Amino acid sequence: MQRLLLERRISDVHDRLVRARSELAVIDEQLDVVTDAAEEARLRSLVSETPLAAREYGEAQRHADVLTRAREALASTVADLQRRRDELLDHVGTGPR
């Protein structure tokens, strides 16, 4: 692989990795808030035993579940990008000088 092309690919993967990590940090913060809200709604549902409280809990939990799946997908993307970056860096270390 040409060194210039390899360096460009490393730079691209690095930029994508930085963005994905930043997005992951945001999702982690959002997930904390949404999970706390779902737990509060669950407790209100248990205490009040009303259909409205149960529906609010169900909705809050669905939001938390969706955000959890999004976080898992993004964490997988981060791991893939880290693997790709490491592979490219290995090529730099073993390539011709």
N, C-alpha and C. Protein backbone atom coordinates (compact mmCIF):
# COMPACT_ATOMS: atom_id res chain seq x y z
N MET A 1 0.84 -1.17 0.00
CA MET A 1 0.00 0.00 0.00
C MET A 1 0.89 1.24 0.00
N GLN A 2 0.55 2.20 -0.78
CA GLN A 2 1.35 3.42 -0.81
C GLN A 2 1.25 4.13 0.54
N ARG A 3 2.38 4.63 0.99
CA ARG A 3 2.44 5.26 2.31
C ARG A 3 1.46 6.44 2.43
N LEU A 4 1.37 7.27 1.41
CA LEU A 4 0.48 8.42 1.44
C LEU A 4 -0.98 7.98 1.57
N LEU A 5 -1.36 6.98 0.81
CA LEU A 5 -2.72 6.45 0.88
C LEU A 5 -2.99 5.86 2.26
N LEU A 6 -2.02 5.16 2.79
CA LEU A 6 -2.15 4.56 4.11
C LEU A 6 -2.32 5.64 5.19
N GLU A 7 -1.52 6.68 5.09
CA GLU A 7 -1.63 7.78 6.06
C GLU A 7 -2.98 8.48 5.95
N ARG A 8 -3.49 8.62 4.75
CA ARG A 8 -4.80 9.24 4.55
C ARG A 8 -5.89 8.37 5.17
N ARG A 9 -5.79 7.08 4.99
CA ARG A 9 -6.77 6.16 5.59
C ARG A 9 -6.71 6.20 7.11
N ILE A 10 -5.51 6.24 7.65
CA ILE A 10 -5.36 6.33 9.11
C ILE A 10 -5.99 7.61 9.62
N SER A 11 -5.75 8.71 8.92
CA SER A 11 -6.33 9.99 9.32
C SER A 11 -7.85 9.94 9.27
N ASP A 12 -8.40 9.34 8.22
CA ASP A 12 -9.85 9.23 8.08
C ASP A 12 -10.44 8.39 9.22
N VAL A 13 -9.84 7.25 9.49
CA VAL A 13 -10.33 6.38 10.56
C VAL A 13 -10.21 7.09 11.91
N HIS A 14 -9.11 7.81 12.10
CA HIS A 14 -8.93 8.55 13.35
C HIS A 14 -10.03 9.59 13.53
N ASP A 15 -10.33 10.35 12.48
CA ASP A 15 -11.38 11.37 12.56
C ASP A 15 -12.74 10.74 12.87
N ARG A 16 -13.04 9.63 12.21
CA ARG A 16 -14.30 8.93 12.47
C ARG A 16 -14.34 8.40 13.89
N LEU A 17 -13.22 7.92 14.38
CA LEU A 17 -13.15 7.38 15.74
C LEU A 17 -13.37 8.49 16.77
N VAL A 18 -12.78 9.63 16.55
CA VAL A 18 -12.96 10.78 17.46
C VAL A 18 -14.44 11.18 17.51
N ARG A 19 -15.07 11.27 16.33
CA ARG A 19 -16.49 11.63 16.28
C ARG A 19 -17.36 10.58 16.98
N ALA A 20 -17.07 9.32 16.73
CA ALA A 20 -17.86 8.25 17.33
C ALA A 20 -17.70 8.23 18.85
N ARG A 21 -16.50 8.45 19.33
CA ARG A 21 -16.29 8.50 20.79
C ARG A 21 -17.05 9.68 21.40
N SER A 22 -17.05 10.79 20.71
CA SER A 22 -17.77 11.97 21.20
C SER A 22 -19.28 11.68 21.25
N GLU A 23 -19.80 11.07 20.20
CA GLU A 23 -21.22 10.70 20.18
C GLU A 23 -21.53 9.70 21.29
N LEU A 24 -20.62 8.78 21.53
CA LEU A 24 -20.82 7.79 22.58
C LEU A 24 -20.89 8.46 23.96
N ALA A 25 -20.06 9.45 24.18
CA ALA A 25 -20.09 10.18 25.45
C ALA A 25 -21.44 10.88 25.64
N VAL A 26 -21.95 11.46 24.56
CA VAL A 26 -23.25 12.13 24.63
C VAL A 26 -24.35 11.11 24.92
N ILE A 27 -24.33 10.00 24.23
CA ILE A 27 -25.35 8.97 24.45
C ILE A 27 -25.27 8.43 25.88
N ASP A 28 -24.06 8.27 26.40
CA ASP A 28 -23.92 7.80 27.78
C ASP A 28 -24.60 8.76 28.75
N GLU A 29 -24.41 10.05 28.54
CA GLU A 29 -25.06 11.04 29.41
C GLU A 29 -26.58 10.99 29.26
N GLN A 30 -27.04 10.90 28.02
CA GLN A 30 -28.48 10.82 27.77
C GLN A 30 -29.07 9.55 28.38
N LEU A 31 -28.35 8.46 28.26
CA LEU A 31 -28.83 7.20 28.79
C LEU A 31 -28.97 7.25 30.31
N ASP A 32 -28.03 7.90 30.97
CA ASP A 32 -28.14 8.06 32.42
C ASP A 32 -29.43 8.78 32.80
N VAL A 33 -29.72 9.86 32.09
CA VAL A 33 -30.92 10.65 32.38
C VAL A 33 -32.18 9.85 32.09
N VAL A 34 -32.22 9.21 30.92
CA VAL A 34 -33.41 8.46 30.52
C VAL A 34 -33.63 7.25 31.43
N THR A 35 -32.56 6.59 31.82
CA THR A 35 -32.68 5.43 32.71
C THR A 35 -33.20 5.87 34.09
N ASP A 36 -32.69 6.98 34.58
CA ASP A 36 -33.19 7.51 35.86
C ASP A 36 -34.66 7.86 35.77
N ALA A 37 -35.06 8.48 34.66
CA ALA A 37 -36.47 8.84 34.47
C ALA A 37 -37.35 7.59 34.41
N ALA A 38 -36.86 6.55 33.74
CA ALA A 38 -37.62 5.30 33.66
C ALA A 38 -37.76 4.66 35.03
N GLU A 39 -36.71 4.72 35.83
CA GLU A 39 -36.77 4.15 37.18
C GLU A 39 -37.76 4.92 38.05
N GLU A 40 -37.75 6.25 37.94
CA GLU A 40 -38.71 7.06 38.69
C GLU A 40 -40.14 6.75 38.25
N ALA A 41 -40.34 6.60 36.96
CA ALA A 41 -41.66 6.27 36.44
C ALA A 41 -42.10 4.89 36.92
N ARG A 42 -41.16 3.97 37.00
CA ARG A 42 -41.49 2.62 37.50
C ARG A 42 -41.95 2.69 38.95
N LEU A 43 -41.23 3.47 39.75
CA LEU A 43 -41.61 3.59 41.16
C LEU A 43 -42.98 4.27 41.31
N ARG A 44 -43.21 5.33 40.51
CA ARG A 44 -44.52 5.99 40.56
C ARG A 44 -45.62 5.02 40.15
N SER A 45 -45.33 4.18 39.17
CA SER A 45 -46.30 3.20 38.71
C SER A 45 -46.62 2.19 39.80
N LEU A 46 -45.60 1.75 40.51
CA LEU A 46 -45.81 0.79 41.59
C LEU A 46 -46.62 1.40 42.74
N VAL A 47 -46.32 2.64 43.06
CA VAL A 47 -46.99 3.29 44.19
C VAL A 47 -48.43 3.66 43.84
N SER A 48 -48.62 4.25 42.67
CA SER A 48 -49.95 4.75 42.33
C SER A 48 -50.88 3.67 41.80
N GLU A 49 -50.33 2.68 41.14
CA GLU A 49 -51.10 1.58 40.54
C GLU A 49 -52.22 2.09 39.63
N THR A 50 -51.93 3.13 38.84
CA THR A 50 -52.93 3.63 37.89
C THR A 50 -52.49 3.29 36.47
N PRO A 51 -53.46 3.18 35.58
CA PRO A 51 -53.12 2.89 34.18
C PRO A 51 -52.23 3.97 33.56
N LEU A 52 -52.48 5.23 33.93
CA LEU A 52 -51.67 6.31 33.39
C LEU A 52 -50.21 6.18 33.82
N ALA A 53 -49.99 5.89 35.08
CA ALA A 53 -48.62 5.74 35.58
C ALA A 53 -47.95 4.53 34.92
N ALA A 54 -48.70 3.47 34.72
CA ALA A 54 -48.15 2.28 34.06
C ALA A 54 -47.77 2.59 32.61
N ARG A 55 -48.62 3.37 31.94
CA ARG A 55 -48.34 3.75 30.55
C ARG A 55 -47.12 4.66 30.48
N GLU A 56 -47.01 5.61 31.42
CA GLU A 56 -45.84 6.49 31.45
C GLU A 56 -44.56 5.69 31.69
N TYR A 57 -44.63 4.71 32.56
CA TYR A 57 -43.46 3.86 32.80
C TYR A 57 -43.10 3.07 31.55
N GLY A 58 -44.09 2.50 30.90
CA GLY A 58 -43.83 1.74 29.68
C GLY A 58 -43.17 2.58 28.61
N GLU A 59 -43.65 3.81 28.46
CA GLU A 59 -43.06 4.71 27.47
C GLU A 59 -41.62 5.08 27.85
N ALA A 60 -41.40 5.39 29.10
CA ALA A 60 -40.06 5.76 29.56
C ALA A 60 -39.09 4.58 29.38
N GLN A 61 -39.56 3.38 29.67
CA GLN A 61 -38.70 2.20 29.53
C GLN A 61 -38.38 1.92 28.08
N ARG A 62 -39.36 2.14 27.19
CA ARG A 62 -39.10 1.95 25.76
C ARG A 62 -38.03 2.92 25.27
N HIS A 63 -38.10 4.17 25.74
CA HIS A 63 -37.08 5.15 25.36
C HIS A 63 -35.70 4.69 25.85
N ALA A 64 -35.65 4.20 27.07
CA ALA A 64 -34.38 3.72 27.62
C ALA A 64 -33.86 2.53 26.82
N ASP A 65 -34.76 1.63 26.43
CA ASP A 65 -34.36 0.46 25.65
C ASP A 65 -33.81 0.85 24.27
N VAL A 66 -34.48 1.80 23.62
CA VAL A 66 -34.02 2.27 22.30
C VAL A 66 -32.65 2.92 22.42
N LEU A 67 -32.47 3.74 23.43
CA LEU A 67 -31.20 4.42 23.62
C LEU A 67 -30.10 3.42 23.98
N THR A 68 -30.44 2.39 24.73
CA THR A 68 -29.47 1.34 25.07
C THR A 68 -29.01 0.62 23.81
N ARG A 69 -29.93 0.30 22.93
CA ARG A 69 -29.56 -0.37 21.67
C ARG A 69 -28.70 0.55 20.80
N ALA A 70 -29.03 1.84 20.77
CA ALA A 70 -28.23 2.79 19.99
C ALA A 70 -26.83 2.89 20.56
N ARG A 71 -26.72 2.87 21.88
CA ARG A 71 -25.41 2.93 22.53
C ARG A 71 -24.59 1.69 22.20
N GLU A 72 -25.23 0.53 22.24
CA GLU A 72 -24.53 -0.72 21.92
C GLU A 72 -24.03 -0.71 20.48
N ALA A 73 -24.84 -0.21 19.56
CA ALA A 73 -24.43 -0.14 18.15
C ALA A 73 -23.25 0.82 17.98
N LEU A 74 -23.31 1.95 18.66
CA LEU A 74 -22.22 2.92 18.55
C LEU A 74 -20.95 2.40 19.21
N ALA A 75 -21.09 1.70 20.33
CA ALA A 75 -19.92 1.10 20.98
C ALA A 75 -19.27 0.06 20.07
N SER A 76 -20.09 -0.67 19.33
CA SER A 76 -19.57 -1.64 18.37
C SER A 76 -18.83 -0.92 17.24
N THR A 77 -19.36 0.19 16.79
CA THR A 77 -18.70 0.99 15.75
C THR A 77 -17.35 1.49 16.24
N VAL A 78 -17.30 1.97 17.48
CA VAL A 78 -16.04 2.45 18.06
C VAL A 78 -15.02 1.31 18.08
N ALA A 79 -15.46 0.13 18.52
CA ALA A 79 -14.55 -1.01 18.58
C ALA A 79 -14.05 -1.38 17.18
N ASP A 80 -14.94 -1.35 16.19
CA ASP A 80 -14.53 -1.66 14.81
C ASP A 80 -13.52 -0.64 14.29
N LEU A 81 -13.77 0.63 14.58
CA LEU A 81 -12.84 1.67 14.12
C LEU A 81 -11.48 1.54 14.81
N GLN A 82 -11.48 1.19 16.08
CA GLN A 82 -10.22 0.99 16.79
C GLN A 82 -9.44 -0.17 16.18
N ARG A 83 -10.16 -1.25 15.85
CA ARG A 83 -9.53 -2.40 15.21
C ARG A 83 -8.95 -2.02 13.86
N ARG A 84 -9.72 -1.27 13.08
CA ARG A 84 -9.27 -0.85 11.75
C ARG A 84 -8.05 0.06 11.86
N ARG A 85 -8.09 0.99 12.80
CA ARG A 85 -6.95 1.89 13.01
C ARG A 85 -5.70 1.09 13.37
N ASP A 86 -5.86 0.11 14.27
CA ASP A 86 -4.71 -0.71 14.67
C ASP A 86 -4.16 -1.51 13.50
N GLU A 87 -5.05 -2.04 12.65
CA GLU A 87 -4.60 -2.77 11.47
C GLU A 87 -3.79 -1.86 10.54
N LEU A 88 -4.31 -0.66 10.33
CA LEU A 88 -3.60 0.28 9.46
C LEU A 88 -2.26 0.68 10.06
N LEU A 89 -2.22 0.90 11.36
CA LEU A 89 -0.96 1.24 12.01
C LEU A 89 0.05 0.09 11.92
N ASP A 90 -0.45 -1.13 11.98
CA ASP A 90 0.43 -2.29 11.81
C ASP A 90 1.07 -2.28 10.42
N HIS A 91 0.28 -1.88 9.41
CA HIS A 91 0.84 -1.80 8.05
C HIS A 91 1.92 -0.75 7.96
N VAL A 92 1.76 0.34 8.68
CA VAL A 92 2.77 1.40 8.67
C VAL A 92 4.07 0.85 9.27
N GLY A 93 3.94 0.09 10.34
CA GLY A 93 5.11 -0.45 11.01
C GLY A 93 5.83 -1.53 10.21
N THR A 94 5.11 -2.23 9.35
CA THR A 94 5.72 -3.33 8.59
C THR A 94 5.99 -2.98 7.13
N GLY A 95 5.51 -1.82 6.70
CA GLY A 95 5.66 -1.43 5.30
C GLY A 95 7.07 -1.01 4.96
N PRO A 96 7.34 -0.82 3.65
CA PRO A 96 8.66 -0.37 3.22
C PRO A 96 8.91 1.07 3.65
N ARG A 97 10.14 1.41 3.85
CA ARG A 97 10.49 2.75 4.33
C ARG A 97 11.13 3.56 3.23
